[in-house]
N, C-alpha and C. Protein backbone atom coordinates (compact mmCIF):
# COMPACT_ATOMS: atom_id res chain seq x y z
N MET A 1 -59.28 151.59 99.16
CA MET A 1 -60.46 150.46 99.24
C MET A 1 -60.05 149.32 98.48
N GLY A 2 -60.31 148.12 99.09
CA GLY A 2 -60.14 146.81 98.04
C GLY A 2 -61.68 146.62 97.60
N MET A 3 -61.42 145.27 97.08
CA MET A 3 -62.56 144.91 96.46
C MET A 3 -63.53 144.26 97.07
N ALA A 4 -65.06 144.47 96.76
CA ALA A 4 -65.92 144.01 97.41
C ALA A 4 -65.92 142.71 97.56
N THR A 5 -66.24 142.42 98.85
CA THR A 5 -66.60 140.99 99.08
C THR A 5 -67.78 140.50 99.50
N GLU A 6 -68.09 139.29 99.47
CA GLU A 6 -69.55 138.78 99.93
C GLU A 6 -69.99 139.33 101.22
N SER A 7 -68.98 139.46 102.24
CA SER A 7 -69.06 139.79 103.51
C SER A 7 -69.84 141.33 103.84
N GLN A 8 -69.49 142.01 102.60
CA GLN A 8 -70.12 143.22 102.43
C GLN A 8 -71.78 143.24 102.20
N PHE A 9 -72.03 142.11 101.64
CA PHE A 9 -73.33 142.09 100.87
C PHE A 9 -74.29 141.54 102.01
N HIS A 10 -75.45 142.34 101.90
CA HIS A 10 -76.59 141.89 103.24
C HIS A 10 -77.71 141.14 102.74
N VAL A 11 -78.21 140.15 102.90
CA VAL A 11 -79.18 139.52 102.34
C VAL A 11 -80.43 139.50 103.20
N LEU A 12 -81.62 139.61 102.85
CA LEU A 12 -82.93 139.54 103.46
C LEU A 12 -83.52 138.31 103.31
N ALA A 13 -83.47 137.17 104.19
CA ALA A 13 -84.04 135.89 103.83
C ALA A 13 -85.76 136.11 104.31
N VAL A 14 -86.61 135.66 103.39
CA VAL A 14 -88.27 135.46 104.24
C VAL A 14 -88.80 134.32 103.94
N ASP A 15 -89.32 133.62 104.87
CA ASP A 15 -89.63 132.20 104.89
C ASP A 15 -90.62 132.17 106.23
N ASP A 16 -91.68 131.52 106.12
CA ASP A 16 -92.52 131.31 107.25
C ASP A 16 -92.08 130.04 108.16
N SER A 17 -91.34 129.17 107.46
CA SER A 17 -90.82 128.18 108.11
C SER A 17 -89.34 128.15 108.74
N LEU A 18 -89.76 127.88 110.04
CA LEU A 18 -88.48 128.06 110.80
C LEU A 18 -87.33 127.41 110.28
N ILE A 19 -87.41 126.06 109.80
CA ILE A 19 -86.58 125.20 109.41
C ILE A 19 -85.84 125.50 108.18
N ASP A 20 -86.75 126.04 107.21
CA ASP A 20 -86.25 126.66 105.96
C ASP A 20 -85.40 127.76 106.15
N ARG A 21 -86.07 128.83 107.28
CA ARG A 21 -85.36 129.92 107.38
C ARG A 21 -83.58 129.50 107.91
N LYS A 22 -83.66 128.62 108.60
CA LYS A 22 -82.30 128.23 109.46
C LYS A 22 -81.33 127.85 108.31
N LEU A 23 -82.22 126.84 107.21
CA LEU A 23 -81.23 126.24 106.21
C LEU A 23 -80.52 127.32 105.45
N ILE A 24 -81.58 128.16 104.92
CA ILE A 24 -81.18 129.46 103.88
C ILE A 24 -80.03 130.23 104.57
N GLU A 25 -80.22 130.45 106.15
CA GLU A 25 -79.21 131.16 106.80
C GLU A 25 -78.02 130.76 106.94
N LYS A 26 -78.09 129.38 106.90
CA LYS A 26 -76.62 128.86 107.00
C LYS A 26 -76.14 128.72 105.82
N LEU A 27 -76.78 128.49 104.69
CA LEU A 27 -76.00 128.52 103.33
C LEU A 27 -75.47 129.84 102.97
N LEU A 28 -76.16 131.06 103.27
CA LEU A 28 -75.87 132.52 103.17
C LEU A 28 -74.52 132.65 103.91
N LYS A 29 -74.64 132.36 104.94
CA LYS A 29 -73.35 132.77 106.01
C LYS A 29 -72.10 131.82 105.62
N THR A 30 -72.57 130.73 105.16
CA THR A 30 -71.46 129.79 104.60
C THR A 30 -70.63 130.41 103.35
N SER A 31 -71.53 131.16 102.59
CA SER A 31 -71.06 131.97 101.54
C SER A 31 -70.33 133.42 101.73
N SER A 32 -70.71 133.46 103.23
CA SER A 32 -69.80 134.86 103.93
C SER A 32 -70.91 136.23 103.72
N TYR A 33 -71.94 135.54 103.28
CA TYR A 33 -73.17 136.90 103.44
C TYR A 33 -73.60 137.37 104.75
N GLN A 34 -73.94 138.66 105.03
CA GLN A 34 -74.69 139.08 106.10
C GLN A 34 -76.27 138.66 105.99
N VAL A 35 -76.69 138.02 107.08
CA VAL A 35 -78.24 137.68 106.65
C VAL A 35 -79.13 138.20 108.04
N THR A 36 -80.05 138.57 107.30
CA THR A 36 -81.40 139.07 108.19
C THR A 36 -82.34 138.09 107.92
N THR A 37 -83.19 137.39 108.70
CA THR A 37 -84.21 136.43 108.40
C THR A 37 -85.49 137.09 109.28
N VAL A 38 -86.57 137.02 108.29
CA VAL A 38 -87.94 137.23 108.89
C VAL A 38 -89.05 136.06 108.36
N ASP A 39 -90.31 136.26 109.28
CA ASP A 39 -90.98 135.12 108.99
C ASP A 39 -92.16 135.19 107.96
N SER A 40 -92.56 136.65 107.51
CA SER A 40 -93.63 136.96 106.77
C SER A 40 -93.06 138.24 105.69
N GLY A 41 -93.95 138.47 104.89
CA GLY A 41 -93.63 139.46 103.87
C GLY A 41 -93.95 140.86 104.53
N THR A 42 -94.74 140.81 105.28
CA THR A 42 -95.01 142.00 106.08
C THR A 42 -94.05 142.68 106.99
N LYS A 43 -93.40 141.53 107.67
CA LYS A 43 -92.23 142.00 108.58
C LYS A 43 -91.02 142.56 107.61
N ALA A 44 -90.90 141.64 106.26
CA ALA A 44 -89.71 142.08 105.29
C ALA A 44 -89.69 143.77 105.11
N LEU A 45 -91.16 144.14 104.59
CA LEU A 45 -91.39 145.35 104.39
C LEU A 45 -91.20 146.13 105.48
N GLU A 46 -91.44 145.88 106.62
CA GLU A 46 -91.07 146.61 107.80
C GLU A 46 -89.78 147.10 107.97
N PHE A 47 -88.81 145.86 107.87
CA PHE A 47 -87.50 145.85 107.81
C PHE A 47 -86.80 146.57 106.77
N LEU A 48 -87.57 146.82 105.81
CA LEU A 48 -86.74 147.65 104.71
C LEU A 48 -87.59 149.17 104.57
N GLY A 49 -88.34 149.16 105.69
CA GLY A 49 -88.88 150.43 105.87
C GLY A 49 -90.13 150.92 105.09
N LEU A 50 -90.70 149.91 104.45
CA LEU A 50 -92.02 150.38 103.76
C LEU A 50 -93.09 149.55 104.35
N HIS A 51 -93.88 150.25 104.76
CA HIS A 51 -95.12 149.95 105.58
C HIS A 51 -96.39 149.84 104.35
N GLU A 52 -97.07 148.91 104.53
CA GLU A 52 -98.20 148.60 103.70
C GLU A 52 -99.04 149.79 103.44
N ASP A 53 -99.44 150.57 104.68
CA ASP A 53 -100.55 151.43 104.94
C ASP A 53 -99.79 152.82 104.28
N ASP A 54 -98.36 152.77 104.22
CA ASP A 54 -97.67 153.80 103.92
C ASP A 54 -97.16 154.10 102.47
N GLN A 55 -97.63 153.34 101.80
CA GLN A 55 -97.45 152.99 100.19
C GLN A 55 -97.52 154.04 99.34
N SER A 56 -98.80 154.86 99.70
CA SER A 56 -99.18 156.01 98.77
C SER A 56 -98.88 157.23 99.25
N ASN A 57 -98.18 157.16 100.41
CA ASN A 57 -97.73 158.28 101.36
C ASN A 57 -96.37 159.02 100.91
N PRO A 58 -96.56 160.02 100.14
CA PRO A 58 -95.24 160.66 100.00
C PRO A 58 -94.07 160.64 100.92
N ASN A 59 -94.40 160.66 101.84
CA ASN A 59 -93.21 160.53 103.17
C ASN A 59 -92.50 159.51 103.24
N THR A 60 -93.04 158.52 102.68
CA THR A 60 -92.48 157.14 102.79
C THR A 60 -91.12 157.09 102.16
N SER A 61 -91.02 157.56 100.72
CA SER A 61 -89.78 157.47 100.44
C SER A 61 -88.41 158.37 101.03
N SER A 62 -89.03 159.40 101.61
CA SER A 62 -88.19 160.27 102.34
C SER A 62 -87.61 159.60 103.42
N VAL A 63 -88.37 158.87 104.25
CA VAL A 63 -88.16 158.24 105.31
C VAL A 63 -87.09 156.96 105.27
N PHE A 64 -87.25 156.37 103.97
CA PHE A 64 -86.67 155.03 103.52
C PHE A 64 -85.24 155.34 103.50
N PRO A 65 -84.68 156.44 103.00
CA PRO A 65 -83.06 156.50 102.93
C PRO A 65 -82.54 156.48 103.84
N ASN A 66 -82.79 156.98 105.35
CA ASN A 66 -82.31 156.99 106.43
C ASN A 66 -82.18 155.51 106.91
N ASN A 67 -83.38 154.49 106.73
CA ASN A 67 -83.11 152.94 107.29
C ASN A 67 -82.06 152.35 106.17
N HIS A 68 -82.30 152.91 104.88
CA HIS A 68 -81.29 152.19 104.19
C HIS A 68 -79.79 152.32 104.01
N GLN A 69 -79.55 153.43 104.83
CA GLN A 69 -77.96 154.04 105.22
C GLN A 69 -77.87 152.92 106.30
N GLU A 70 -78.65 152.51 107.35
CA GLU A 70 -78.25 152.08 108.34
C GLU A 70 -78.24 150.51 108.23
N VAL A 71 -79.25 149.74 107.23
CA VAL A 71 -79.12 148.41 107.18
C VAL A 71 -79.62 148.19 105.60
N GLU A 72 -78.42 148.52 104.62
CA GLU A 72 -78.58 148.21 103.28
C GLU A 72 -78.59 146.70 102.97
N VAL A 73 -79.90 146.67 102.12
CA VAL A 73 -80.02 145.27 101.77
C VAL A 73 -79.69 145.25 100.40
N ASN A 74 -78.79 144.24 100.05
CA ASN A 74 -78.45 143.91 98.88
C ASN A 74 -79.24 142.99 97.98
N LEU A 75 -79.84 141.96 98.49
CA LEU A 75 -80.58 141.12 97.71
C LEU A 75 -81.83 140.42 98.74
N ILE A 76 -83.11 140.25 98.29
CA ILE A 76 -84.22 139.60 99.15
C ILE A 76 -84.42 138.21 98.59
N ILE A 77 -84.18 137.06 99.33
CA ILE A 77 -84.58 135.89 98.77
C ILE A 77 -85.87 135.42 99.65
N THR A 78 -87.02 135.09 99.20
CA THR A 78 -88.47 134.86 99.87
C THR A 78 -89.14 133.79 99.31
N ASP A 79 -89.48 133.04 100.32
CA ASP A 79 -90.78 131.59 99.90
C ASP A 79 -91.66 132.14 98.99
N TYR A 80 -92.08 131.31 98.31
CA TYR A 80 -93.32 131.89 97.47
C TYR A 80 -94.57 131.72 98.51
N CYS A 81 -94.98 130.50 98.83
CA CYS A 81 -95.90 130.18 99.46
C CYS A 81 -95.97 130.48 101.24
N MET A 82 -96.57 131.55 101.42
CA MET A 82 -96.51 132.30 102.84
C MET A 82 -97.85 132.51 103.05
N PRO A 83 -98.35 132.35 104.45
CA PRO A 83 -99.70 132.88 104.73
C PRO A 83 -99.85 134.34 104.57
N GLY A 84 -101.15 134.86 104.36
CA GLY A 84 -100.95 136.45 104.41
C GLY A 84 -100.50 136.82 102.90
N MET A 85 -99.36 137.42 103.23
CA MET A 85 -98.61 137.89 101.87
C MET A 85 -97.54 136.78 101.53
N THR A 86 -97.73 136.50 100.04
CA THR A 86 -97.22 135.53 99.37
C THR A 86 -95.77 136.15 98.89
N GLY A 87 -94.75 135.07 98.59
CA GLY A 87 -93.61 135.90 97.89
C GLY A 87 -94.15 136.44 96.68
N TYR A 88 -95.07 136.32 95.86
CA TYR A 88 -95.28 136.86 94.78
C TYR A 88 -95.64 138.25 95.02
N ASP A 89 -96.85 138.40 95.79
CA ASP A 89 -96.93 139.88 96.85
C ASP A 89 -96.01 140.81 96.98
N LEU A 90 -95.05 140.16 97.71
CA LEU A 90 -93.84 140.82 98.11
C LEU A 90 -93.08 141.28 97.02
N LEU A 91 -92.99 140.48 96.17
CA LEU A 91 -91.94 140.72 94.88
C LEU A 91 -92.62 142.22 94.49
N ARG A 92 -93.80 142.27 93.96
CA ARG A 92 -94.76 143.02 93.40
C ARG A 92 -94.60 144.35 94.31
N LYS A 93 -94.83 144.19 95.53
CA LYS A 93 -94.78 145.44 96.36
C LYS A 93 -93.16 146.12 96.39
N ILE A 94 -92.46 145.17 96.45
CA ILE A 94 -91.02 145.96 96.14
C ILE A 94 -90.71 146.44 94.77
N LYS A 95 -91.23 145.80 93.74
CA LYS A 95 -91.01 146.22 92.28
C LYS A 95 -91.83 147.64 92.14
N GLU A 96 -92.78 147.83 92.82
CA GLU A 96 -93.85 148.93 92.71
C GLU A 96 -93.42 149.84 93.45
N SER A 97 -92.21 149.98 94.56
CA SER A 97 -91.48 151.07 95.39
C SER A 97 -90.37 151.52 94.71
N SER A 98 -90.32 152.83 94.72
CA SER A 98 -89.31 153.49 93.75
C SER A 98 -88.10 153.61 94.74
N SER A 99 -88.32 153.19 96.05
CA SER A 99 -87.01 153.14 96.84
C SER A 99 -86.51 151.76 96.77
N LEU A 100 -87.35 150.70 96.55
CA LEU A 100 -86.82 149.50 96.59
C LEU A 100 -86.64 148.63 95.39
N ARG A 101 -87.18 149.13 94.26
CA ARG A 101 -87.18 148.23 93.31
C ARG A 101 -86.06 147.78 92.50
N ASN A 102 -84.81 148.53 92.89
CA ASN A 102 -83.55 148.06 92.45
C ASN A 102 -82.64 146.85 93.15
N ILE A 103 -83.54 146.54 94.17
CA ILE A 103 -82.94 145.51 95.11
C ILE A 103 -83.47 144.27 94.09
N PRO A 104 -82.44 143.27 94.11
CA PRO A 104 -82.86 141.85 93.39
C PRO A 104 -83.68 141.08 94.23
N VAL A 105 -84.47 140.29 93.95
CA VAL A 105 -85.34 139.50 94.73
C VAL A 105 -85.47 138.03 93.86
N VAL A 106 -85.08 137.09 94.84
CA VAL A 106 -84.99 135.61 94.28
C VAL A 106 -86.04 135.04 94.86
N ILE A 107 -86.81 134.18 94.47
CA ILE A 107 -88.10 133.24 94.91
C ILE A 107 -87.63 131.88 95.23
N MET A 108 -88.25 131.33 96.35
CA MET A 108 -88.10 129.75 96.48
C MET A 108 -89.29 129.29 96.46
N SER A 109 -89.34 128.05 96.08
CA SER A 109 -90.55 127.11 96.31
C SER A 109 -90.36 125.65 96.37
N SER A 110 -91.12 124.97 97.00
CA SER A 110 -90.82 123.65 97.04
C SER A 110 -91.86 122.85 96.11
N GLU A 111 -92.75 123.68 95.36
CA GLU A 111 -93.64 122.96 93.87
C GLU A 111 -92.86 123.65 92.75
N ASN A 112 -92.64 122.83 91.96
CA ASN A 112 -92.13 123.18 90.51
C ASN A 112 -93.32 123.41 89.71
N VAL A 113 -93.84 124.51 89.71
CA VAL A 113 -95.22 125.18 88.71
C VAL A 113 -94.46 126.04 87.75
N PRO A 114 -94.41 125.59 86.40
CA PRO A 114 -93.91 126.57 85.55
C PRO A 114 -94.77 127.81 85.38
N SER A 115 -96.14 127.77 85.31
CA SER A 115 -96.89 129.01 85.32
C SER A 115 -96.66 130.02 86.69
N ARG A 116 -96.28 129.49 87.59
CA ARG A 116 -95.92 130.31 88.99
C ARG A 116 -94.25 130.98 88.77
N ILE A 117 -93.72 130.32 88.07
CA ILE A 117 -92.07 130.26 87.97
C ILE A 117 -92.11 131.50 87.12
N ASN A 118 -92.91 131.48 85.96
CA ASN A 118 -92.80 132.48 84.91
C ASN A 118 -93.26 133.61 85.20
N ARG A 119 -94.45 133.54 85.93
CA ARG A 119 -95.33 134.87 86.60
C ARG A 119 -94.23 135.75 87.37
N CYS A 120 -93.40 134.94 88.22
CA CYS A 120 -92.59 135.70 89.40
C CYS A 120 -91.49 136.09 88.17
N LEU A 121 -90.91 135.61 87.28
CA LEU A 121 -89.81 135.97 86.49
C LEU A 121 -90.21 137.24 85.49
N GLU A 122 -91.66 137.41 85.15
CA GLU A 122 -92.30 138.44 84.35
C GLU A 122 -92.36 139.63 85.40
N GLU A 123 -92.29 139.43 86.51
CA GLU A 123 -92.85 140.58 87.40
C GLU A 123 -91.52 141.17 88.01
N GLY A 124 -90.32 140.42 87.79
CA GLY A 124 -88.91 141.00 87.96
C GLY A 124 -88.01 140.20 88.81
N ALA A 125 -88.32 139.06 89.41
CA ALA A 125 -87.74 138.11 90.19
C ALA A 125 -86.43 137.88 89.02
N GLU A 126 -85.12 137.87 89.83
CA GLU A 126 -83.87 137.62 89.52
C GLU A 126 -83.98 135.78 88.98
N GLU A 127 -84.39 135.36 90.03
CA GLU A 127 -84.08 133.69 90.00
C GLU A 127 -85.44 133.01 90.65
N PHE A 128 -85.54 131.74 90.32
CA PHE A 128 -86.60 130.94 91.07
C PHE A 128 -85.92 129.60 91.53
N PHE A 129 -85.87 129.61 92.52
CA PHE A 129 -84.97 128.34 93.39
C PHE A 129 -86.16 127.10 93.76
N LEU A 130 -85.76 125.94 93.42
CA LEU A 130 -86.62 125.18 94.06
C LEU A 130 -86.15 124.66 95.23
N LYS A 131 -87.07 124.27 96.27
CA LYS A 131 -86.37 123.91 97.48
C LYS A 131 -86.31 122.19 97.46
N PRO A 132 -85.16 121.66 98.36
CA PRO A 132 -84.28 122.44 99.27
C PRO A 132 -83.18 123.14 98.55
N VAL A 133 -83.00 124.36 98.63
CA VAL A 133 -82.17 125.23 98.22
C VAL A 133 -80.85 124.78 98.64
N ARG A 134 -79.81 124.68 97.52
CA ARG A 134 -78.57 124.15 97.85
C ARG A 134 -77.50 125.17 97.82
N LEU A 135 -76.17 124.88 97.98
CA LEU A 135 -75.04 125.84 98.06
C LEU A 135 -74.83 126.44 96.62
N SER A 136 -74.73 125.50 95.48
CA SER A 136 -74.77 125.97 94.53
C SER A 136 -75.76 126.73 93.84
N ASP A 137 -77.19 126.98 94.44
CA ASP A 137 -77.99 128.01 94.09
C ASP A 137 -77.66 129.34 94.71
N VAL A 138 -77.13 129.24 96.01
CA VAL A 138 -76.69 130.45 96.86
C VAL A 138 -75.56 131.37 95.59
N ASN A 139 -74.82 130.25 95.21
CA ASN A 139 -73.45 130.71 94.46
C ASN A 139 -73.84 131.73 93.28
N ARG A 140 -75.33 131.43 92.94
CA ARG A 140 -75.75 132.43 91.40
C ARG A 140 -76.47 133.66 92.10
N LEU A 141 -76.27 134.05 93.55
CA LEU A 141 -76.74 135.19 93.86
C LEU A 141 -75.75 136.35 93.38
N LYS A 142 -74.54 135.84 93.65
CA LYS A 142 -73.55 137.28 93.81
C LYS A 142 -73.68 138.05 92.33
N PRO A 143 -73.70 137.37 91.21
CA PRO A 143 -73.73 138.05 89.94
C PRO A 143 -75.06 138.99 90.01
N HIS A 144 -76.08 138.79 90.36
CA HIS A 144 -77.17 139.76 90.52
C HIS A 144 -76.82 140.85 91.34
N ILE A 145 -76.43 140.66 92.86
CA ILE A 145 -75.87 141.76 93.45
C ILE A 145 -75.06 142.83 92.73
N MET A 146 -73.76 142.10 92.05
CA MET A 146 -72.91 142.75 91.42
C MET A 146 -73.41 143.78 90.43
N LYS A 147 -74.28 143.14 89.65
CA LYS A 147 -75.00 143.77 88.42
C LYS A 147 -75.89 145.22 89.13
N THR A 148 -76.53 145.11 90.07
CA THR A 148 -77.23 145.94 90.79
C THR A 148 -76.40 146.95 91.42
N LYS A 149 -75.04 146.94 91.81
CA LYS A 149 -74.15 147.68 92.42
C LYS A 149 -73.66 148.46 91.52
N LEU A 150 -73.25 147.78 90.29
CA LEU A 150 -72.77 148.78 89.00
C LEU A 150 -73.66 149.69 88.41
N LYS A 151 -74.92 149.20 88.41
CA LYS A 151 -76.01 150.08 87.98
C LYS A 151 -76.29 151.54 89.10
N ASP A 152 -76.11 150.92 90.56
CA ASP A 152 -76.41 151.95 91.33
C ASP A 152 -75.41 153.19 91.13
N GLN A 153 -74.08 152.47 91.14
CA GLN A 153 -73.11 153.40 90.96
C GLN A 153 -72.80 154.28 89.66
N LYS A 154 -73.36 153.77 88.76
CA LYS A 154 -73.56 154.55 87.61
C LYS A 154 -74.69 155.64 87.53
N GLN A 155 -75.62 155.56 88.22
CA GLN A 155 -76.86 156.30 88.58
C GLN A 155 -76.28 157.33 89.46
N GLU A 156 -75.82 156.94 90.49
CA GLU A 156 -75.26 157.93 91.64
C GLU A 156 -74.32 159.14 90.82
N ASN A 157 -73.17 158.32 89.65
CA ASN A 157 -72.54 159.28 88.96
C ASN A 157 -73.23 160.03 88.20
N GLU A 158 -74.12 159.68 87.46
CA GLU A 158 -74.95 160.45 86.57
C GLU A 158 -75.63 161.59 87.33
N GLU A 159 -76.22 161.38 88.86
CA GLU A 159 -76.62 162.43 89.58
C GLU A 159 -75.46 163.43 89.99
N ASP A 160 -74.57 162.99 90.35
CA ASP A 160 -73.76 163.86 90.92
C ASP A 160 -73.38 164.64 89.57
N ASP A 161 -73.19 164.15 88.25
CA ASP A 161 -72.70 164.96 87.18
C ASP A 161 -73.80 166.18 87.27
N ASP A 162 -75.05 165.57 87.28
CA ASP A 162 -76.29 166.69 87.07
C ASP A 162 -76.35 167.80 88.08
N GLU A 163 -76.03 167.26 89.42
CA GLU A 163 -75.67 168.13 90.46
C GLU A 163 -74.74 169.36 90.32
N SER A 164 -73.49 168.78 89.88
CA SER A 164 -72.54 169.56 89.59
C SER A 164 -72.67 170.52 88.47
N GLY A 165 -73.18 170.00 87.74
CA GLY A 165 -73.54 171.02 86.64
C GLY A 165 -74.38 172.28 86.79
N LYS A 166 -75.40 171.90 87.76
CA LYS A 166 -76.49 172.89 87.94
C LYS A 166 -75.91 174.23 88.54
N PRO A 167 -74.97 174.08 89.54
CA PRO A 167 -74.36 175.49 90.13
C PRO A 167 -73.57 176.27 88.82
N VAL A 168 -72.82 175.45 88.13
CA VAL A 168 -72.11 176.28 87.02
C VAL A 168 -73.11 176.92 86.17
N LEU A 169 -74.21 176.35 85.88
CA LEU A 169 -75.08 176.92 84.85
C LEU A 169 -75.55 178.21 85.60
N GLN A 170 -75.84 177.93 86.69
CA GLN A 170 -76.48 179.33 87.41
C GLN A 170 -75.67 180.41 87.85
N SER A 171 -74.34 180.16 88.27
CA SER A 171 -73.11 181.00 88.25
C SER A 171 -73.05 181.78 86.82
N GLN A 172 -73.09 181.43 86.00
CA GLN A 172 -72.82 181.85 84.37
C GLN A 172 -74.02 182.99 84.34
N GLU A 173 -75.16 182.40 84.61
CA GLU A 173 -76.50 183.21 84.39
C GLU A 173 -76.26 184.43 85.30
N GLU A 174 -76.02 184.03 86.34
CA GLU A 174 -75.91 185.15 87.42
C GLU A 174 -74.77 186.06 86.96
N HIS A 175 -73.60 185.70 86.54
CA HIS A 175 -72.63 186.74 86.22
C HIS A 175 -72.87 187.28 84.76
N GLN A 176 -73.67 186.82 84.08
CA GLN A 176 -74.28 187.51 82.61
C GLN A 176 -75.11 188.74 83.12
N GLN A 177 -76.03 188.32 84.23
CA GLN A 177 -77.01 189.41 84.80
C GLN A 177 -76.21 190.48 85.15
N ARG A 178 -75.09 190.24 86.12
CA ARG A 178 -74.44 191.23 86.89
C ARG A 178 -73.71 192.06 85.86
N GLN A 179 -73.21 191.48 84.69
CA GLN A 179 -72.53 192.06 83.71
C GLN A 179 -73.37 193.10 83.10
N GLN A 180 -74.69 192.68 82.56
CA GLN A 180 -75.62 193.36 81.96
C GLN A 180 -76.00 194.67 82.96
N GLN A 181 -76.04 194.47 84.43
CA GLN A 181 -76.72 195.41 85.15
C GLN A 181 -75.49 196.45 85.00
N GLN A 182 -74.36 196.06 85.53
CA GLN A 182 -72.98 196.94 85.35
C GLN A 182 -73.10 197.89 84.07
N HIS A 183 -73.01 197.23 83.00
CA HIS A 183 -73.22 197.74 81.77
C HIS A 183 -74.37 198.92 81.56
N GLN A 184 -75.36 198.59 82.18
CA GLN A 184 -76.48 199.61 81.99
C GLN A 184 -76.09 200.83 83.14
N GLN A 185 -75.87 200.41 84.19
CA GLN A 185 -75.35 201.42 85.00
C GLN A 185 -74.23 202.34 84.56
N GLN A 186 -73.36 201.89 83.95
CA GLN A 186 -72.11 202.56 83.28
C GLN A 186 -72.71 203.52 82.10
N GLN A 187 -73.78 202.92 81.61
CA GLN A 187 -74.31 203.88 80.29
C GLN A 187 -75.05 204.94 81.00
N GLN A 188 -75.76 204.53 82.02
CA GLN A 188 -76.63 205.80 82.83
C GLN A 188 -75.88 206.91 83.37
N HIS A 189 -74.55 206.25 83.86
CA HIS A 189 -73.59 207.35 84.53
C HIS A 189 -72.82 208.25 83.57
N HIS A 190 -72.58 207.35 82.28
CA HIS A 190 -71.88 208.40 81.29
C HIS A 190 -72.84 209.13 80.79
N HIS A 191 -74.12 208.98 80.48
CA HIS A 191 -75.08 209.73 80.11
C HIS A 191 -75.23 211.02 80.79
N GLN A 192 -75.61 210.56 82.20
CA GLN A 192 -75.65 211.91 83.35
C GLN A 192 -74.31 212.47 83.38
N HIS A 193 -73.51 211.81 83.28
CA HIS A 193 -71.93 212.99 83.46
C HIS A 193 -71.91 213.76 82.25
N GLY A 194 -72.42 213.19 81.03
CA GLY A 194 -72.24 213.90 79.69
C GLY A 194 -73.05 215.03 79.81
N ASN A 195 -74.06 214.80 80.32
CA ASN A 195 -75.15 215.86 80.24
C ASN A 195 -74.67 217.16 81.39
N SER A 196 -74.12 216.71 82.56
CA SER A 196 -73.58 217.64 83.53
C SER A 196 -72.39 218.36 82.71
N ASN A 197 -71.39 217.65 82.12
CA ASN A 197 -70.60 218.47 81.49
C ASN A 197 -70.87 219.34 80.30
N LYS A 198 -72.13 219.19 79.61
CA LYS A 198 -72.66 219.82 78.65
C LYS A 198 -73.00 221.28 79.26
N ARG A 199 -73.63 221.08 80.26
CA ARG A 199 -74.27 222.17 80.82
C ARG A 199 -73.38 223.09 81.51
N LYS A 200 -72.27 222.44 82.00
CA LYS A 200 -71.23 223.18 82.40
C LYS A 200 -70.32 224.11 81.65
N ALA A 201 -70.05 223.43 80.48
CA ALA A 201 -69.68 223.78 79.23
C ALA A 201 -70.31 225.21 78.58
N LEU A 202 -71.75 224.87 78.56
CA LEU A 202 -72.43 226.05 78.33
C LEU A 202 -72.20 226.95 79.22
N GLU A 203 -72.67 226.73 80.49
CA GLU A 203 -72.60 227.87 81.38
C GLU A 203 -71.00 228.75 81.36
N GLU A 204 -70.12 228.05 81.37
CA GLU A 204 -68.74 228.35 81.41
C GLU A 204 -68.65 229.46 80.10
N GLY A 205 -68.79 228.76 78.73
CA GLY A 205 -68.91 229.29 77.52
C GLY A 205 -69.75 230.52 77.52
N LEU A 206 -70.89 230.52 77.74
CA LEU A 206 -71.67 231.62 78.02
C LEU A 206 -71.35 232.86 78.58
N SER A 207 -71.17 232.72 79.73
CA SER A 207 -70.84 233.70 80.67
C SER A 207 -69.78 234.44 80.20
N PRO A 208 -68.74 234.23 79.81
CA PRO A 208 -67.63 235.15 79.14
C PRO A 208 -67.99 235.73 78.15
N ASP A 209 -68.78 235.18 77.09
CA ASP A 209 -69.32 235.91 75.73
C ASP A 209 -70.39 237.04 76.30
N ARG A 210 -71.01 236.51 77.32
CA ARG A 210 -72.04 237.68 77.40
C ARG A 210 -71.20 238.99 78.25
N THR A 211 -70.31 238.75 79.15
CA THR A 211 -69.79 239.80 79.71
C THR A 211 -68.56 240.53 78.80
N ARG A 212 -67.99 239.83 78.02
CA ARG A 212 -66.95 240.39 77.32
C ARG A 212 -67.18 241.73 76.51
N PRO A 213 -68.17 241.85 75.88
CA PRO A 213 -68.49 242.97 75.14
C PRO A 213 -68.60 244.06 75.93
N ARG A 214 -69.34 243.83 77.25
CA ARG A 214 -69.84 245.07 78.04
C ARG A 214 -68.02 245.47 78.60
N TYR A 215 -67.35 244.70 78.83
CA TYR A 215 -66.05 245.15 79.28
C TYR A 215 -65.31 245.61 78.10
N ASN A 216 -65.49 245.14 76.88
CA ASN A 216 -64.88 245.83 75.73
C ASN A 216 -65.24 247.46 75.72
N GLY A 217 -66.86 247.41 75.91
CA GLY A 217 -67.28 248.43 75.60
C GLY A 217 -67.11 249.76 76.72
N VAL A 218 -66.64 249.21 77.77
CA VAL A 218 -66.43 249.91 78.87
C VAL A 218 -64.90 250.69 78.58
N THR A 219 -64.20 249.66 78.15
CA THR A 219 -62.86 250.09 78.00
C THR A 219 -62.83 251.04 76.88
N THR A 220 -63.23 250.90 75.57
CA THR A 220 -63.44 251.61 74.49
C THR A 220 -63.86 253.28 74.86
N VAL A 221 -64.67 253.05 75.75
CA VAL A 221 -65.43 254.45 76.18
C VAL A 221 -64.38 255.15 76.78
N VAL A 222 -63.72 254.66 77.88
CA VAL A 222 -62.57 255.17 78.76
C VAL A 222 -61.40 255.33 78.04
């Protein structure tokens, strides 16, 4: 396999403004990203496989990985001001989800409000872009994707190590148990075999002793 390129990275862009969606889509495609655009936070969550009503449902996390395999999202870029669910709300829902929290999120806004920017960054946003978004802004996305990719690979390797270690431990324990059982069976066998030998020896040893004097006695008389 060759090195990862931007064309392998998939960005989900969320903006209620058609003009802004088209602009960000064009910039992302110019940078060779795969792009999916949606016009609301709710649709973004649906695309990601996380429905608002199912957040407390334990089945959600088990359903999501199948969607994740089909359409893996490497980064989400969302407008801050949207009707219904704001970009900040979407950010919080993503970071609260065990399935989605590792996906980098970037917030866009046409308003430069420091308190808003700080709040998004504190909640886990990677960047806060002021509109109109420029190509130089888009170029800052790749390091966040690469950082997450490396983190995911490290977690996968650790999980593989854990999983590969479990059968070995289990097999060792089973082997020890089998050895103990075999040892106990051998001891029981030796014990039983020893008793039968003793009985046989006694029977074989006593019977001649009992009969010998009679034969001797008879021969002496004759």
